[in-house]
Amino acid sequence: MTFQQAARRAQSSALPMGARVIALHQCAEKYSPIGFHATLDYLESTAGPYRSNEAALVAAVAVLRQAHSLWQEELGSYAAERRSAKRAGQRVPRRSDPNPNALTTWHGRQRVAALFAVGRWRRLTGDGHSSSDQERLVRELADLALSSKFSPDDDAALEELRAVLDESASWDLYRQDPAAYFRARSLGRIVHHLRVATREAADA
């Protein structure tokens, strides 16, 4: 089932509420740039209790559809740019080129969604007394961002941490210690959301 097919089912008043909620979740399986469960929580915080309220469900579908539509537009533009680049002899995109196929940022409300993802992660992780130094630093930076106290010095620390996590989340680490690899990947996603939230705030 495509995203649009699932979205139409979620909006159909002819279907039972439970089937419509499942259809919304199927939409989120195809578009969840902040993570599947975080996306569902974000929709509930934005639209209301969509699992039990029809108006909230319709609103949640609209929020997700709008973001998905913006993503599709970006994918179309990227495809056109790649065709032009190939005609010019650049067969392989540069690693530094943004690629919207790597879905990591909410479309339309980037900072709001990124901050929500960071706040949700903080609530789930708590104090984490037994966590690593890297995770403790991410928590500290997240708390600063959530309280609007993020400074240029904090941004520099975030960039340094991002570079370390990018380097550590390698296939060599995966082969040696899969659990450590996935921890680094998970922290890297939170750092990405922090970068989106704080860069958007700086540009506002």
C-alpha atoms as a PDB file:
ATOM      1  CA  MET A   1       0.000   0.000   0.000  1.00  0.00           C
ATOM      2  CA  THR A   2       1.348   3.415  -0.939  1.00  0.00           C
ATOM      3  CA  PHE A   3       1.495   6.399   1.381  1.00  0.00           C
ATOM      4  CA  GLN A   4      -1.409   8.103  -0.381  1.00  0.00           C
ATOM      5  CA  GLN A   5      -3.547   4.954  -0.330  1.00  0.00           C
ATOM      6  CA  ALA A   6      -2.977   4.588   3.405  1.00  0.00           C
ATOM      7  CA  ALA A   7      -3.699   8.299   3.932  1.00  0.00           C
ATOM      8  CA  ARG A   8      -7.041   7.991   2.114  1.00  0.00           C
ATOM      9  CA  ARG A   9      -7.973   5.015   4.303  1.00  0.00           C
ATOM     10  CA  ALA A  10      -7.031   6.960   7.418  1.00  0.00           C
ATOM     11  CA  GLN A  11      -9.331   9.796   6.351  1.00  0.00           C
ATOM     12  CA  SER A  12     -12.241   7.583   5.266  1.00  0.00           C
ATOM     13  CA  SER A  13     -15.237   7.907   7.576  1.00  0.00           C
ATOM     14  CA  ALA A  14     -16.601   4.677   6.067  1.00  0.00           C
ATOM     15  CA  LEU A  15     -13.950   2.642   7.893  1.00  0.00           C
ATOM     16  CA  PRO A  16     -13.859   1.750  11.614  1.00  0.00           C
ATOM     17  CA  MET A  17     -11.724   3.991  13.782  1.00  0.00           C
ATOM     18  CA  GLY A  18      -9.243   1.203  14.522  1.00  0.00           C
ATOM     19  CA  ALA A  19      -8.635   0.531  10.822  1.00  0.00           C
ATOM     20  CA  ARG A  20      -8.108   4.228  10.208  1.00  0.00           C
ATOM     21  CA  VAL A  21      -5.538   4.474  13.002  1.00  0.00           C
ATOM     22  CA  ILE A  22      -3.703   1.475  11.546  1.00  0.00           C
ATOM     23  CA  ALA A  23      -3.704   3.225   8.163  1.00  0.00           C
ATOM     24  CA  LEU A  24      -2.145   6.331   9.739  1.00  0.00           C
ATOM     25  CA  HIS A  25       0.554   4.146  11.255  1.00  0.00           C
ATOM     26  CA  GLN A  26       1.149   2.662   7.796  1.00  0.00           C
ATOM     27  CA  CYS A  27       1.680   6.205   6.519  1.00  0.00           C
ATOM     28  CA  ALA A  28       4.214   6.786   9.293  1.00  0.00           C
ATOM     29  CA  GLU A  29       6.048   3.617   8.272  1.00  0.00           C
ATOM     30  CA  LYS A  30       6.709   5.350   4.940  1.00  0.00           C
ATOM     31  CA  TYR A  31       7.458   8.816   6.303  1.00  0.00           C
ATOM     32  CA  SER A  32       8.986   9.060   9.772  1.00  0.00           C
ATOM     33  CA  PRO A  33      12.092  11.253   9.588  1.00  0.00           C
ATOM     34  CA  ILE A  34      12.401  11.542  13.365  1.00  0.00           C
ATOM     35  CA  GLY A  35      11.758   7.828  13.935  1.00  0.00           C
ATOM     36  CA  PHE A  36       8.518   5.838  13.779  1.00  0.00           C
ATOM     37  CA  HIS A  37       7.439   6.084  17.420  1.00  0.00           C
ATOM     38  CA  ALA A  38       8.662   9.677  17.739  1.00  0.00           C
ATOM     39  CA  THR A  39       6.638  10.568  14.635  1.00  0.00           C
ATOM     40  CA  LEU A  40       3.466   9.084  16.112  1.00  0.00           C
ATOM     41  CA  ASP A  41       4.039  10.927  19.391  1.00  0.00           C
ATOM     42  CA  TYR A  42       4.704  14.149  17.475  1.00  0.00           C
ATOM     43  CA  LEU A  43       1.454  13.745  15.545  1.00  0.00           C
ATOM     44  CA  GLU A  44      -0.438  13.213  18.802  1.00  0.00           C
ATOM     45  CA  SER A  45       1.163  16.266  20.390  1.00  0.00           C
ATOM     46  CA  THR A  46       0.313  18.334  17.301  1.00  0.00           C
ATOM     47  CA  ALA A  47      -3.151  17.039  16.363  1.00  0.00           C
ATOM     48  CA  GLY A  48      -4.484  15.577  19.605  1.00  0.00           C
ATOM     49  CA  PRO A  49      -5.488  12.039  20.708  1.00  0.00           C
ATOM     50  CA  TYR A  50      -5.881  10.645  17.203  1.00  0.00           C
ATOM     51  CA  ARG A  51      -6.371   7.054  18.397  1.00  0.00           C
ATOM     52  CA  SER A  52      -9.736   7.924  19.967  1.00  0.00           C
ATOM     53  CA  ASN A  53     -10.793  11.235  18.413  1.00  0.00           C
ATOM     54  CA  GLU A  54     -11.822  11.411  14.753  1.00  0.00           C
ATOM     55  CA  ALA A  55     -11.108  15.130  14.356  1.00  0.00           C
ATOM     56  CA  ALA A  56      -7.625  14.617  15.795  1.00  0.00           C
ATOM     57  CA  LEU A  57      -7.060  11.685  13.428  1.00  0.00           C
ATOM     58  CA  VAL A  58      -8.016  13.775  10.398  1.00  0.00           C
ATOM     59  CA  ALA A  59      -5.701  16.549  11.615  1.00  0.00           C
ATOM     60  CA  ALA A  60      -2.835  14.103  12.147  1.00  0.00           C
ATOM     61  CA  VAL A  61      -3.231  12.758   8.616  1.00  0.00           C
ATOM     62  CA  ALA A  62      -3.169  16.338   7.282  1.00  0.00           C
ATOM     63  CA  VAL A  63       0.049  17.130   9.182  1.00  0.00           C
ATOM     64  CA  LEU A  64       1.765  14.007   7.894  1.00  0.00           C
ATOM     65  CA  ARG A  65       0.459  14.469   4.351  1.00  0.00           C
ATOM     66  CA  GLN A  66       1.737  18.029   4.167  1.00  0.00           C
ATOM     67  CA  ALA A  67       5.236  17.024   5.275  1.00  0.00           C
ATOM     68  CA  HIS A  68       5.245  14.020   2.940  1.00  0.00           C
ATOM     69  CA  SER A  69       4.181  16.221   0.023  1.00  0.00           C
ATOM     70  CA  LEU A  70       7.074  18.609   0.662  1.00  0.00           C
ATOM     71  CA  TRP A  71       9.442  15.642   0.746  1.00  0.00           C
ATOM     72  CA  GLN A  72       8.101  14.386  -2.584  1.00  0.00           C
ATOM     73  CA  GLU A  73       8.705  17.805  -4.119  1.00  0.00           C
ATOM     74  CA  GLU A  74      12.272  17.738  -2.826  1.00  0.00           C
ATOM     75  CA  LEU A  75      12.794  14.239  -4.233  1.00  0.00           C
ATOM     76  CA  GLY A  76      11.541  15.434  -7.621  1.00  0.00           C
ATOM     77  CA  SER A  77      13.927  18.386  -7.626  1.00  0.00           C
ATOM     78  CA  TYR A  78      16.810  16.151  -6.586  1.00  0.00           C
ATOM     79  CA  ALA A  79      16.044  13.676  -9.375  1.00  0.00           C
ATOM     80  CA  ALA A  80      16.041  16.505 -11.929  1.00  0.00           C
ATOM     81  CA  GLU A  81      19.367  17.800 -10.598  1.00  0.00           C
ATOM     82  CA  ARG A  82      20.899  14.324 -10.790  1.00  0.00           C
ATOM     83  CA  ARG A  83      19.781  13.921 -14.403  1.00  0.00           C
ATOM     84  CA  SER A  84      21.418  17.238 -15.278  1.00  0.00           C
ATOM     85  CA  ALA A  85      24.585  16.277 -13.401  1.00  0.00           C
ATOM     86  CA  LYS A  86      24.786  12.931 -15.221  1.00  0.00           C
ATOM     87  CA  ARG A  87      24.456  14.657 -18.576  1.00  0.00           C
ATOM     88  CA  ALA A  88      27.361  16.873 -17.485  1.00  0.00           C
ATOM     89  CA  GLY A  89      29.470  13.800 -16.697  1.00  0.00           C
ATOM     90  CA  GLN A  90      28.989  13.549 -12.912  1.00  0.00           C
ATOM     91  CA  ARG A  91      27.687   9.991 -12.694  1.00  0.00           C
ATOM     92  CA  VAL A  92      28.035   9.649  -8.906  1.00  0.00           C
ATOM     93  CA  PRO A  93      26.815  12.348  -6.487  1.00  0.00           C
ATOM     94  CA  ARG A  94      29.368  13.897  -4.159  1.00  0.00           C
ATOM     95  CA  ARG A  95      29.157  12.743  -0.543  1.00  0.00           C
ATOM     96  CA  SER A  96      28.727  16.374   0.521  1.00  0.00           C
ATOM     97  CA  ASP A  97      25.640  16.819  -1.695  1.00  0.00           C
ATOM     98  CA  PRO A  98      22.353  16.761   0.255  1.00  0.00           C
ATOM     99  CA  ASN A  99      20.346  13.669  -0.621  1.00  0.00           C
ATOM    100  CA  PRO A 100      16.645  13.770   0.348  1.00  0.00           C
ATOM    101  CA  ASN A 101      16.430   9.997  -0.025  1.00  0.00           C
ATOM    102  CA  ALA A 102      18.242   9.863   3.331  1.00  0.00           C
ATOM    103  CA  LEU A 103      15.141  10.861   5.268  1.00  0.00           C
ATOM    104  CA  THR A 104      16.388  12.418   8.510  1.00  0.00           C
ATOM    105  CA  THR A 105      14.603  15.790   8.792  1.00  0.00           C
ATOM    106  CA  TRP A 106      10.930  16.691   9.035  1.00  0.00           C
ATOM    107  CA  HIS A 107       9.739  18.741   6.084  1.00  0.00           C
ATOM    108  CA  GLY A 108       8.003  22.039   6.762  1.00  0.00           C
ATOM    109  CA  ARG A 109       8.469  22.287  10.534  1.00  0.00           C
ATOM    110  CA  GLN A 110      12.058  21.200  10.871  1.00  0.00           C
ATOM    111  CA  ARG A 111      12.980  22.896  14.130  1.00  0.00           C
ATOM    112  CA  VAL A 112       9.714  22.084  15.925  1.00  0.00           C
ATOM    113  CA  ALA A 113       9.900  18.400  15.026  1.00  0.00           C
ATOM    114  CA  ALA A 114      13.623  18.184  15.787  1.00  0.00           C
ATOM    115  CA  LEU A 115      13.158  19.760  19.213  1.00  0.00           C
ATOM    116  CA  PHE A 116      10.268  17.401  19.893  1.00  0.00           C
ATOM    117  CA  ALA A 117      12.472  14.407  19.033  1.00  0.00           C
ATOM    118  CA  VAL A 118      15.226  15.694  21.312  1.00  0.00           C
ATOM    119  CA  GLY A 119      12.796  16.348  24.169  1.00  0.00           C
ATOM    120  CA  ARG A 120      11.234  12.920  23.783  1.00  0.00           C
ATOM    121  CA  TRP A 121      14.673  11.302  23.891  1.00  0.00           C
ATOM    122  CA  ARG A 122      15.506  13.214  27.073  1.00  0.00           C
ATOM    123  CA  ARG A 123      12.314  12.073  28.764  1.00  0.00           C
ATOM    124  CA  LEU A 124      13.004   8.465  27.817  1.00  0.00           C
ATOM    125  CA  THR A 125      16.668   8.468  28.835  1.00  0.00           C
ATOM    126  CA  GLY A 126      16.276  10.267  32.169  1.00  0.00           C
ATOM    127  CA  ASP A 127      19.439  10.938  34.169  1.00  0.00           C
ATOM    128  CA  GLY A 128      21.314   7.919  32.804  1.00  0.00           C
ATOM    129  CA  HIS A 129      23.920   7.694  35.574  1.00  0.00           C
ATOM    130  CA  SER A 130      25.535   4.633  33.978  1.00  0.00           C
ATOM    131  CA  SER A 131      25.751   6.123  30.480  1.00  0.00           C
ATOM    132  CA  SER A 132      28.885   6.961  28.519  1.00  0.00           C
ATOM    133  CA  ASP A 133      30.659  10.317  28.474  1.00  0.00           C
ATOM    134  CA  GLN A 134      29.323  10.905  24.972  1.00  0.00           C
ATOM    135  CA  GLU A 135      25.734  10.305  26.016  1.00  0.00           C
ATOM    136  CA  ARG A 136      26.134  12.564  29.057  1.00  0.00           C
ATOM    137  CA  LEU A 137      27.421  15.332  26.774  1.00  0.00           C
ATOM    138  CA  VAL A 138      24.495  14.869  24.388  1.00  0.00           C
ATOM    139  CA  ARG A 139      22.089  15.123  27.334  1.00  0.00           C
ATOM    140  CA  GLU A 140      23.752  18.340  28.520  1.00  0.00           C
ATOM    141  CA  LEU A 141      23.588  19.878  25.044  1.00  0.00           C
ATOM    142  CA  ALA A 142      19.982  18.721  24.640  1.00  0.00           C
ATOM    143  CA  ASP A 143      19.001  20.375  27.924  1.00  0.00           C
ATOM    144  CA  LEU A 144      20.614  23.629  26.786  1.00  0.00           C
ATOM    145  CA  ALA A 145      18.761  23.514  23.470  1.00  0.00           C
ATOM    146  CA  LEU A 146      15.439  22.692  25.121  1.00  0.00           C
ATOM    147  CA  SER A 147      15.857  25.633  27.518  1.00  0.00           C
ATOM    148  CA  SER A 148      16.942  28.023  24.717  1.00  0.00           C
ATOM    149  CA  LYS A 149      20.385  28.463  26.309  1.00  0.00           C
ATOM    150  CA  PHE A 150      22.420  26.991  23.452  1.00  0.00           C
ATOM    151  CA  SER A 151      25.523  29.120  22.726  1.00  0.00           C
ATOM    152  CA  PRO A 152      28.178  29.249  19.955  1.00  0.00           C
ATOM    153  CA  ASP A 153      30.544  27.347  22.269  1.00  0.00           C
ATOM    154  CA  ASP A 154      27.916  24.635  22.639  1.00  0.00           C
ATOM    155  CA  ASP A 155      27.569  24.526  18.868  1.00  0.00           C
ATOM    156  CA  ALA A 156      31.305  23.908  18.547  1.00  0.00           C
ATOM    157  CA  ALA A 157      31.081  21.073  21.077  1.00  0.00           C
ATOM    158  CA  LEU A 158      28.142  19.612  19.174  1.00  0.00           C
ATOM    159  CA  GLU A 159      30.085  19.668  15.893  1.00  0.00           C
ATOM    160  CA  GLU A 160      33.064  17.973  17.505  1.00  0.00           C
ATOM    161  CA  LEU A 161      30.811  15.314  18.992  1.00  0.00           C
ATOM    162  CA  ARG A 162      29.096  14.775  15.637  1.00  0.00           C
ATOM    163  CA  ALA A 163      32.448  14.164  13.964  1.00  0.00           C
ATOM    164  CA  VAL A 164      33.471  11.673  16.657  1.00  0.00           C
ATOM    165  CA  LEU A 165      30.195   9.764  16.411  1.00  0.00           C
ATOM    166  CA  ASP A 166      30.312   9.714  12.607  1.00  0.00           C
ATOM    167  CA  GLU A 167      33.781   8.245  12.740  1.00  0.00           C
ATOM    168  CA  SER A 168      32.987   5.732  15.453  1.00  0.00           C
ATOM    169  CA  ALA A 169      29.801   4.432  13.816  1.00  0.00           C
ATOM    170  CA  SER A 170      31.799   2.452  11.276  1.00  0.00           C
ATOM    171  CA  TRP A 171      31.401  -1.050   9.903  1.00  0.00           C
ATOM    172  CA  ASP A 172      34.575  -2.002  11.731  1.00  0.00           C
ATOM    173  CA  LEU A 173      32.833  -1.177  14.999  1.00  0.00           C
ATOM    174  CA  TYR A 174      29.755  -3.091  13.853  1.00  0.00           C
ATOM    175  CA  ARG A 175      31.831  -6.203  13.279  1.00  0.00           C
ATOM    176  CA  GLN A 176      33.630  -5.832  16.618  1.00  0.00           C
ATOM    177  CA  ASP A 177      30.770  -4.640  18.842  1.00  0.00           C
ATOM    178  CA  PRO A 178      27.302  -4.389  17.234  1.00  0.00           C
ATOM    179  CA  ALA A 179      25.742  -2.977  20.417  1.00  0.00           C
ATOM    180  CA  ALA A 180      28.278  -0.138  20.549  1.00  0.00           C
ATOM    181  CA  TYR A 181      27.701   0.529  16.858  1.00  0.00           C
ATOM    182  CA  PHE A 182      23.949   0.925  17.302  1.00  0.00           C
ATOM    183  CA  ARG A 183      24.451   3.113  20.376  1.00  0.00           C
ATOM    184  CA  ALA A 184      26.683   5.405  18.320  1.00  0.00           C
ATOM    185  CA  ARG A 185      24.121   5.478  15.495  1.00  0.00           C
ATOM    186  CA  SER A 186      21.311   6.287  17.922  1.00  0.00           C
ATOM    187  CA  LEU A 187      23.286   9.110  19.547  1.00  0.00           C
ATOM    188  CA  GLY A 188      24.235  10.355  16.103  1.00  0.00           C
ATOM    189  CA  ARG A 189      20.550  10.732  15.194  1.00  0.00           C
ATOM    190  CA  ILE A 190      19.901  12.804  18.325  1.00  0.00           C
ATOM    191  CA  VAL A 191      22.927  14.966  17.528  1.00  0.00           C
ATOM    192  CA  HIS A 192      21.516  15.466  14.029  1.00  0.00           C
ATOM    193  CA  HIS A 193      18.180  16.613  15.478  1.00  0.00           C
ATOM    194  CA  LEU A 194      20.046  18.953  17.809  1.00  0.00           C
ATOM    195  CA  ARG A 195      21.928  20.453  14.867  1.00  0.00           C
ATOM    196  CA  VAL A 196      18.678  20.973  12.953  1.00  0.00           C
ATOM    197  CA  ALA A 197      16.976  22.582  15.961  1.00  0.00           C
ATOM    198  CA  THR A 198      19.827  24.879  16.890  1.00  0.00           C
ATOM    199  CA  ARG A 199      20.760  25.890  13.326  1.00  0.00           C
ATOM    200  CA  GLU A 200      17.139  26.702  12.541  1.00  0.00           C
ATOM    201  CA  ALA A 201      16.974  28.819  15.709  1.00  0.00           C
ATOM    202  CA  ALA A 202      20.158  30.675  14.764  1.00  0.00           C
ATOM    203  CA  ASP A 203      18.794  31.411  11.291  1.00  0.00           C
ATOM    204  CA  ALA A 204      15.401  32.593  12.567  1.00  0.00           C
END
